[in-house]
């Protein structure tokens, strides 16, 4: 497999939507240690991953955005705002339905990470892929402890793939990972 094909596989497999849905299911389970927790994770995943991805794919189909990764920085405002709206609706439902604290804390941490990413995106093309990967790894570390530390290599792989595909510079991937990880660490720790 060539370097660019490997990078494409990593980028397409570890997309923000896939990581968001995965971490919500994991933390949903962690919050209750039962199928009920997975249900909470699925509800949150619908609003934090499913609907935003559907909005992006609809925009791509209609020609509003270049591709599902929204590579052009100037095209990112609408999908990021739509994602924010969907996440806010999800948070409202989680509050109204009295979701487990960990699931709620994770979704709020995602929202904070999204807002920070949006602010940076106004003037610089920070990597959303590595921001989400960084946040996911930090959440897993906080929930499961240091024995999941090797997952940091996943952030490195995502960053490498974004650089190889020439979608980001190394600095944009590092800053993305730091922003996502910091938002996750501060907000999730404070709220769970």
C-alpha atoms as a PDB file:
ATOM      1  CA  UNK A   1       0.000   0.000   0.000  1.00  0.00           C
ATOM      2  CA  UNK A   2       1.411   3.391  -0.934  1.00  0.00           C
ATOM      3  CA  UNK A   3       1.953   6.145   1.587  1.00  0.00           C
ATOM      4  CA  UNK A   4      -0.900   8.266   0.224  1.00  0.00           C
ATOM      5  CA  UNK A   5      -3.314   5.299   0.207  1.00  0.00           C
ATOM      6  CA  UNK A   6      -2.415   4.521   3.822  1.00  0.00           C
ATOM      7  CA  UNK A   7      -2.893   8.174   4.739  1.00  0.00           C
ATOM      8  CA  UNK A   8      -6.281   8.249   2.969  1.00  0.00           C
ATOM      9  CA  UNK A   9      -7.372   5.106   4.826  1.00  0.00           C
ATOM     10  CA  UNK A  10      -6.405   6.612   8.188  1.00  0.00           C
ATOM     11  CA  UNK A  11      -8.063   9.967   7.398  1.00  0.00           C
ATOM     12  CA  UNK A  12     -11.273   8.334   6.181  1.00  0.00           C
ATOM     13  CA  UNK A  13     -11.471   5.795   9.008  1.00  0.00           C
ATOM     14  CA  UNK A  14     -10.624   8.159  11.858  1.00  0.00           C
ATOM     15  CA  UNK A  15     -12.851  11.011  10.700  1.00  0.00           C
ATOM     16  CA  UNK A  16     -14.205  13.359  13.370  1.00  0.00           C
ATOM     17  CA  UNK A  17     -17.723  11.914  12.995  1.00  0.00           C
ATOM     18  CA  UNK A  18     -16.503   8.329  13.485  1.00  0.00           C
ATOM     19  CA  UNK A  19     -14.401   9.280  16.510  1.00  0.00           C
ATOM     20  CA  UNK A  20     -17.213  11.328  18.058  1.00  0.00           C
ATOM     21  CA  UNK A  21     -19.722   8.504  17.678  1.00  0.00           C
ATOM     22  CA  UNK A  22     -17.241   5.951  19.014  1.00  0.00           C
ATOM     23  CA  UNK A  23     -16.251   7.938  22.105  1.00  0.00           C
ATOM     24  CA  UNK A  24     -19.878   8.716  22.941  1.00  0.00           C
ATOM     25  CA  UNK A  25     -20.749   5.011  22.853  1.00  0.00           C
ATOM     26  CA  UNK A  26     -17.714   4.156  24.991  1.00  0.00           C
ATOM     27  CA  UNK A  27     -18.394   6.863  27.577  1.00  0.00           C
ATOM     28  CA  UNK A  28     -22.107   6.059  27.465  1.00  0.00           C
ATOM     29  CA  UNK A  29     -21.246   2.503  28.479  1.00  0.00           C
ATOM     30  CA  UNK A  30     -18.714   3.739  31.046  1.00  0.00           C
ATOM     31  CA  UNK A  31     -21.296   6.043  32.633  1.00  0.00           C
ATOM     32  CA  UNK A  32     -23.696   3.225  33.554  1.00  0.00           C
ATOM     33  CA  UNK A  33     -21.873  -0.032  32.725  1.00  0.00           C
ATOM     34  CA  UNK A  34     -25.028  -1.144  30.958  1.00  0.00           C
ATOM     35  CA  UNK A  35     -26.952  -1.102  27.718  1.00  0.00           C
ATOM     36  CA  UNK A  36     -28.771   1.981  29.039  1.00  0.00           C
ATOM     37  CA  UNK A  37     -25.485   3.872  28.841  1.00  0.00           C
ATOM     38  CA  UNK A  38     -25.068   2.834  25.217  1.00  0.00           C
ATOM     39  CA  UNK A  39     -28.535   4.271  24.586  1.00  0.00           C
ATOM     40  CA  UNK A  40     -27.431   7.597  26.073  1.00  0.00           C
ATOM     41  CA  UNK A  41     -24.318   7.435  23.925  1.00  0.00           C
ATOM     42  CA  UNK A  42     -26.426   6.774  20.819  1.00  0.00           C
ATOM     43  CA  UNK A  43     -28.685   9.737  21.566  1.00  0.00           C
ATOM     44  CA  UNK A  44     -25.698  12.041  21.995  1.00  0.00           C
ATOM     45  CA  UNK A  45     -23.984  10.534  18.933  1.00  0.00           C
ATOM     46  CA  UNK A  46     -26.998  11.342  16.776  1.00  0.00           C
ATOM     47  CA  UNK A  47     -26.687  15.055  17.546  1.00  0.00           C
ATOM     48  CA  UNK A  48     -22.887  15.268  17.800  1.00  0.00           C
ATOM     49  CA  UNK A  49     -21.875  12.986  14.938  1.00  0.00           C
ATOM     50  CA  UNK A  50     -24.765  11.691  12.857  1.00  0.00           C
ATOM     51  CA  UNK A  51     -26.651  14.885  12.065  1.00  0.00           C
ATOM     52  CA  UNK A  52     -23.494  16.973  11.509  1.00  0.00           C
ATOM     53  CA  UNK A  53     -22.121  14.350   9.113  1.00  0.00           C
ATOM     54  CA  UNK A  54     -25.450  14.251   7.255  1.00  0.00           C
ATOM     55  CA  UNK A  55     -25.375  18.055   6.924  1.00  0.00           C
ATOM     56  CA  UNK A  56     -21.852  17.916   5.513  1.00  0.00           C
ATOM     57  CA  UNK A  57     -22.711  15.169   3.036  1.00  0.00           C
ATOM     58  CA  UNK A  58     -25.812  17.081   1.908  1.00  0.00           C
ATOM     59  CA  UNK A  59     -23.669  20.192   1.402  1.00  0.00           C
ATOM     60  CA  UNK A  60     -21.162  18.191  -0.634  1.00  0.00           C
ATOM     61  CA  UNK A  61     -23.949  16.661  -2.732  1.00  0.00           C
ATOM     62  CA  UNK A  62     -25.365  20.132  -3.427  1.00  0.00           C
ATOM     63  CA  UNK A  63     -21.932  21.498  -4.326  1.00  0.00           C
ATOM     64  CA  UNK A  64     -21.591  23.842  -1.336  1.00  0.00           C
ATOM     65  CA  UNK A  65     -18.418  22.159  -0.078  1.00  0.00           C
ATOM     66  CA  UNK A  66     -15.573  20.426  -1.857  1.00  0.00           C
ATOM     67  CA  UNK A  67     -15.674  17.135   0.049  1.00  0.00           C
ATOM     68  CA  UNK A  68     -16.665  15.436   3.301  1.00  0.00           C
ATOM     69  CA  UNK A  69     -13.534  16.759   5.028  1.00  0.00           C
ATOM     70  CA  UNK A  70     -14.371  20.382   4.053  1.00  0.00           C
ATOM     71  CA  UNK A  71     -10.767  21.081   3.065  1.00  0.00           C
ATOM     72  CA  UNK A  72     -11.348  24.704   2.064  1.00  0.00           C
ATOM     73  CA  UNK A  73     -11.137  26.815   5.241  1.00  0.00           C
ATOM     74  CA  UNK A  74     -13.565  29.417   3.929  1.00  0.00           C
ATOM     75  CA  UNK A  75     -16.219  26.709   3.494  1.00  0.00           C
ATOM     76  CA  UNK A  76     -16.060  25.555   7.109  1.00  0.00           C
ATOM     77  CA  UNK A  77     -18.249  28.199   8.809  1.00  0.00           C
ATOM     78  CA  UNK A  78     -21.648  26.787   7.817  1.00  0.00           C
ATOM     79  CA  UNK A  79     -20.922  23.121   8.618  1.00  0.00           C
ATOM     80  CA  UNK A  80     -19.309  24.101  11.930  1.00  0.00           C
ATOM     81  CA  UNK A  81     -22.265  26.328  12.857  1.00  0.00           C
ATOM     82  CA  UNK A  82     -24.716  23.575  11.869  1.00  0.00           C
ATOM     83  CA  UNK A  83     -22.743  21.152  14.021  1.00  0.00           C
ATOM     84  CA  UNK A  84     -22.859  23.586  16.923  1.00  0.00           C
ATOM     85  CA  UNK A  85     -26.641  23.955  16.584  1.00  0.00           C
ATOM     86  CA  UNK A  86     -27.087  20.185  16.506  1.00  0.00           C
ATOM     87  CA  UNK A  87     -24.850  19.724  19.569  1.00  0.00           C
ATOM     88  CA  UNK A  88     -26.796  22.413  21.466  1.00  0.00           C
ATOM     89  CA  UNK A  89     -30.060  20.601  20.704  1.00  0.00           C
ATOM     90  CA  UNK A  90     -28.429  17.373  21.885  1.00  0.00           C
ATOM     91  CA  UNK A  91     -27.288  19.028  25.129  1.00  0.00           C
ATOM     92  CA  UNK A  92     -30.825  20.313  25.719  1.00  0.00           C
ATOM     93  CA  UNK A  93     -32.214  16.795  25.315  1.00  0.00           C
ATOM     94  CA  UNK A  94     -29.566  15.319  27.588  1.00  0.00           C
ATOM     95  CA  UNK A  95     -30.482  17.845  30.290  1.00  0.00           C
ATOM     96  CA  UNK A  96     -34.239  17.394  29.846  1.00  0.00           C
ATOM     97  CA  UNK A  97     -33.968  13.597  29.930  1.00  0.00           C
ATOM     98  CA  UNK A  98     -31.435  13.606  32.810  1.00  0.00           C
ATOM     99  CA  UNK A  99     -28.594  11.857  31.038  1.00  0.00           C
ATOM    100  CA  UNK A 100     -25.665  10.454  33.012  1.00  0.00           C
ATOM    101  CA  UNK A 101     -23.222  13.143  34.110  1.00  0.00           C
ATOM    102  CA  UNK A 102     -20.294  11.718  32.122  1.00  0.00           C
ATOM    103  CA  UNK A 103     -22.210  11.743  28.845  1.00  0.00           C
ATOM    104  CA  UNK A 104     -23.352  15.316  29.468  1.00  0.00           C
ATOM    105  CA  UNK A 105     -19.803  16.383  30.420  1.00  0.00           C
ATOM    106  CA  UNK A 106     -18.397  14.800  27.265  1.00  0.00           C
ATOM    107  CA  UNK A 107     -20.885  16.566  24.997  1.00  0.00           C
ATOM    108  CA  UNK A 108     -20.196  19.923  26.657  1.00  0.00           C
ATOM    109  CA  UNK A 109     -16.450  19.293  26.253  1.00  0.00           C
ATOM    110  CA  UNK A 110     -17.083  18.573  22.563  1.00  0.00           C
ATOM    111  CA  UNK A 111     -19.008  21.827  22.236  1.00  0.00           C
ATOM    112  CA  UNK A 112     -16.195  23.818  23.851  1.00  0.00           C
ATOM    113  CA  UNK A 113     -13.667  22.136  21.560  1.00  0.00           C
ATOM    114  CA  UNK A 114     -15.867  22.969  18.572  1.00  0.00           C
ATOM    115  CA  UNK A 115     -16.154  26.630  19.581  1.00  0.00           C
ATOM    116  CA  UNK A 116     -12.385  26.936  20.057  1.00  0.00           C
ATOM    117  CA  UNK A 117     -11.782  25.253  16.701  1.00  0.00           C
ATOM    118  CA  UNK A 118     -14.268  27.605  15.025  1.00  0.00           C
ATOM    119  CA  UNK A 119     -12.550  30.647  16.481  1.00  0.00           C
ATOM    120  CA  UNK A 120      -9.146  29.509  15.240  1.00  0.00           C
ATOM    121  CA  UNK A 121     -10.609  28.564  11.845  1.00  0.00           C
ATOM    122  CA  UNK A 122     -11.576  32.197  11.270  1.00  0.00           C
ATOM    123  CA  UNK A 123      -7.925  33.022  10.601  1.00  0.00           C
ATOM    124  CA  UNK A 124      -6.090  29.689  10.287  1.00  0.00           C
ATOM    125  CA  UNK A 125      -6.907  26.179   9.027  1.00  0.00           C
ATOM    126  CA  UNK A 126      -6.457  24.161  12.201  1.00  0.00           C
ATOM    127  CA  UNK A 127      -6.949  20.399  11.875  1.00  0.00           C
ATOM    128  CA  UNK A 128     -10.379  19.305  13.091  1.00  0.00           C
ATOM    129  CA  UNK A 129      -9.282  15.678  12.598  1.00  0.00           C
ATOM    130  CA  UNK A 130      -6.464  15.991  15.135  1.00  0.00           C
ATOM    131  CA  UNK A 131      -8.538  18.194  17.453  1.00  0.00           C
ATOM    132  CA  UNK A 132     -11.136  15.455  17.741  1.00  0.00           C
ATOM    133  CA  UNK A 133      -8.494  12.710  17.981  1.00  0.00           C
ATOM    134  CA  UNK A 134      -6.706  14.631  20.747  1.00  0.00           C
ATOM    135  CA  UNK A 135      -9.952  15.127  22.639  1.00  0.00           C
ATOM    136  CA  UNK A 136     -10.930  11.468  22.301  1.00  0.00           C
ATOM    137  CA  UNK A 137      -7.598  10.216  23.622  1.00  0.00           C
ATOM    138  CA  UNK A 138      -7.698  12.612  26.596  1.00  0.00           C
ATOM    139  CA  UNK A 139     -11.259  11.514  27.452  1.00  0.00           C
ATOM    140  CA  UNK A 140     -10.217   7.863  27.305  1.00  0.00           C
ATOM    141  CA  UNK A 141      -7.219   8.597  29.534  1.00  0.00           C
ATOM    142  CA  UNK A 142      -9.454  10.353  32.069  1.00  0.00           C
ATOM    143  CA  UNK A 143     -12.073   7.595  32.015  1.00  0.00           C
ATOM    144  CA  UNK A 144      -9.840   4.520  31.846  1.00  0.00           C
ATOM    145  CA  UNK A 145      -6.430   5.599  33.107  1.00  0.00           C
ATOM    146  CA  UNK A 146      -2.869   5.523  31.879  1.00  0.00           C
ATOM    147  CA  UNK A 147      -3.023   1.995  30.447  1.00  0.00           C
ATOM    148  CA  UNK A 148      -4.749   3.455  27.347  1.00  0.00           C
ATOM    149  CA  UNK A 149      -1.833   5.882  26.804  1.00  0.00           C
ATOM    150  CA  UNK A 150      -0.622   4.017  23.686  1.00  0.00           C
ATOM    151  CA  UNK A 151      -3.697   5.463  21.946  1.00  0.00           C
ATOM    152  CA  UNK A 152      -1.688   8.684  21.670  1.00  0.00           C
ATOM    153  CA  UNK A 153      -0.153   6.995  18.631  1.00  0.00           C
ATOM    154  CA  UNK A 154      -3.568   7.336  17.008  1.00  0.00           C
ATOM    155  CA  UNK A 155      -3.269  11.126  17.207  1.00  0.00           C
ATOM    156  CA  UNK A 156       0.154  10.879  15.598  1.00  0.00           C
ATOM    157  CA  UNK A 157      -1.237   8.676  12.824  1.00  0.00           C
ATOM    158  CA  UNK A 158      -4.110  11.070  12.133  1.00  0.00           C
ATOM    159  CA  UNK A 159      -1.747  14.052  12.071  1.00  0.00           C
ATOM    160  CA  UNK A 160       0.640  12.217   9.775  1.00  0.00           C
ATOM    161  CA  UNK A 161      -2.200  11.329   7.405  1.00  0.00           C
ATOM    162  CA  UNK A 162      -3.426  14.926   7.214  1.00  0.00           C
ATOM    163  CA  UNK A 163       0.081  16.170   6.398  1.00  0.00           C
ATOM    164  CA  UNK A 164       0.798  13.431   3.826  1.00  0.00           C
ATOM    165  CA  UNK A 165      -2.475  14.266   2.072  1.00  0.00           C
ATOM    166  CA  UNK A 166      -1.429  17.941   2.109  1.00  0.00           C
ATOM    167  CA  UNK A 167      -4.618  18.959   3.858  1.00  0.00           C
ATOM    168  CA  UNK A 168      -2.680  20.498   6.772  1.00  0.00           C
ATOM    169  CA  UNK A 169       0.763  21.566   7.813  1.00  0.00           C
ATOM    170  CA  UNK A 170       2.459  19.825  10.735  1.00  0.00           C
ATOM    171  CA  UNK A 171       1.769  22.914  12.872  1.00  0.00           C
ATOM    172  CA  UNK A 172      -1.958  22.815  12.067  1.00  0.00           C
ATOM    173  CA  UNK A 173      -2.171  19.186  13.163  1.00  0.00           C
ATOM    174  CA  UNK A 174      -0.218  19.757  16.379  1.00  0.00           C
ATOM    175  CA  UNK A 175      -2.274  22.814  17.325  1.00  0.00           C
ATOM    176  CA  UNK A 176      -5.478  20.905  16.552  1.00  0.00           C
ATOM    177  CA  UNK A 177      -4.469  18.032  18.829  1.00  0.00           C
ATOM    178  CA  UNK A 178      -3.479  20.425  21.604  1.00  0.00           C
ATOM    179  CA  UNK A 179      -6.724  22.422  21.374  1.00  0.00           C
ATOM    180  CA  UNK A 180      -8.910  19.317  21.353  1.00  0.00           C
ATOM    181  CA  UNK A 181      -6.982  17.657  24.140  1.00  0.00           C
ATOM    182  CA  UNK A 182      -6.974  20.765  26.317  1.00  0.00           C
ATOM    183  CA  UNK A 183     -10.709  21.406  25.879  1.00  0.00           C
ATOM    184  CA  UNK A 184     -11.443  17.786  26.735  1.00  0.00           C
ATOM    185  CA  UNK A 185      -9.139  17.769  29.758  1.00  0.00           C
ATOM    186  CA  UNK A 186     -10.443  20.985  31.288  1.00  0.00           C
ATOM    187  CA  UNK A 187     -14.177  20.654  30.590  1.00  0.00           C
ATOM    188  CA  UNK A 188     -14.638  16.899  31.053  1.00  0.00           C
ATOM    189  CA  UNK A 189     -12.590  16.885  34.262  1.00  0.00           C
ATOM    190  CA  UNK A 190     -14.506  19.831  35.690  1.00  0.00           C
ATOM    191  CA  UNK A 191     -17.970  18.567  34.801  1.00  0.00           C
ATOM    192  CA  UNK A 192     -17.936  14.825  35.300  1.00  0.00           C
END
